[in-house]
Amino acid sequence: MALSRAQLSWPHGAAGSGESTRLLPQASRLVELPYSSSSSSDDDDGGSLAGDMDLPAAEQDPGVWCSGPPKLSTFSQCVRYLAFLWNLLFLLLGLLTLAVGVWGLLAKGSLGGERLAPLGSDPMLLFVLAGLGTSTVSLAGCLGALRSSRCLLRFFVGAVLAFGGLEVLGGLLLLAARHRLRDALRDALLLCLLRYQEEPDLRFLVDEVQRSLRCCGLGSYRDWETNPYFNCSAPGAQACSVPASCCLDPWQNGTVANAQCAFGALRLGDVAAGTVVHLGGCVAQLGAWLRSQAGGIA
């Protein structure tokens, strides 16, 4: 509201002076009303805004902090529990393999020595490494599936993809270098023949291969002459002999293992030795077995 200049001016008469005295408080109130109402409204708005700013975000929008995890579908739940059970199975197998490897090393006293044997000459180390790798990856898969941990699941998927890539690469290398692989396999078997009496693990593997494939030696049974214990010039009862796993019938009376069934086999001719031991070598038999099992190995 605005007042006219005549109403706000000071009159020169006594009556005018009294009237202006009465009008002065009213004019003051009229002039101050807009400012006071405006300031009060501003204060109220500022106070309300300040009050709103002082409220925590959770009170302004309770859904921000109170929202629960997204509900999984039935298919996702089935996949989750199937992955957990599958990895639990492989975790148990990995722990079993690790236990077998550690037990083998303890039984041979390899862990008490100054240093472990080379990896290629001690199969128990392969069991330990395979058990550690399998159990670690499977444990990550179990915990990742159970707790829905993205970090563990990413590690699990990355490890599985890495192992799969290594398997594919190894298969391609086997196909590309199969002739070199045959020579490497022959050298490995020759090392097994030379260290047959020194390494119990290698002796067990050689006996199992010769017994299951019905073979003896690498190319023939006479390859055992390279072993210093079975050579004809060696002292002892095993001279000019081959392991009992080369025998056609390694059992005595069908029940008891006959450890002396191949004694003196290298002194016999091929015809006479063929009635006692297997004459064919294991390299050809092992190659034929690998070719027949190529689909299953793949």
Foldseek 3Di string as FASTA:
>chain_A
DDDDPVLQDQDPDPVSNVVNVVCVVVVVCVVCVVVVVVVVVVVVVVVVVVVVVPDDPCVVPVCVPPPDDDDDDPVLVVVLVVQLVVLVVQLVVLVVLLVVLVVVCVVVVQVVDPHHDDCLVRCSVVSNVSSVLRNVLSVLSNVCSVVVDPVSVVVNVVSVVVVVVVVVVVVVVCVVPVVVVLVVVLVSQLVLLQCLPPDVVSVVVVLVLCQVLLADAAFWPVSSCPHLQQNLPHDDQNHLWGFLSFFPDQADVVPHGNRCQGGNLNVDDPVVSVNTGHTGHRSVSVVVVCVVCVVVVD
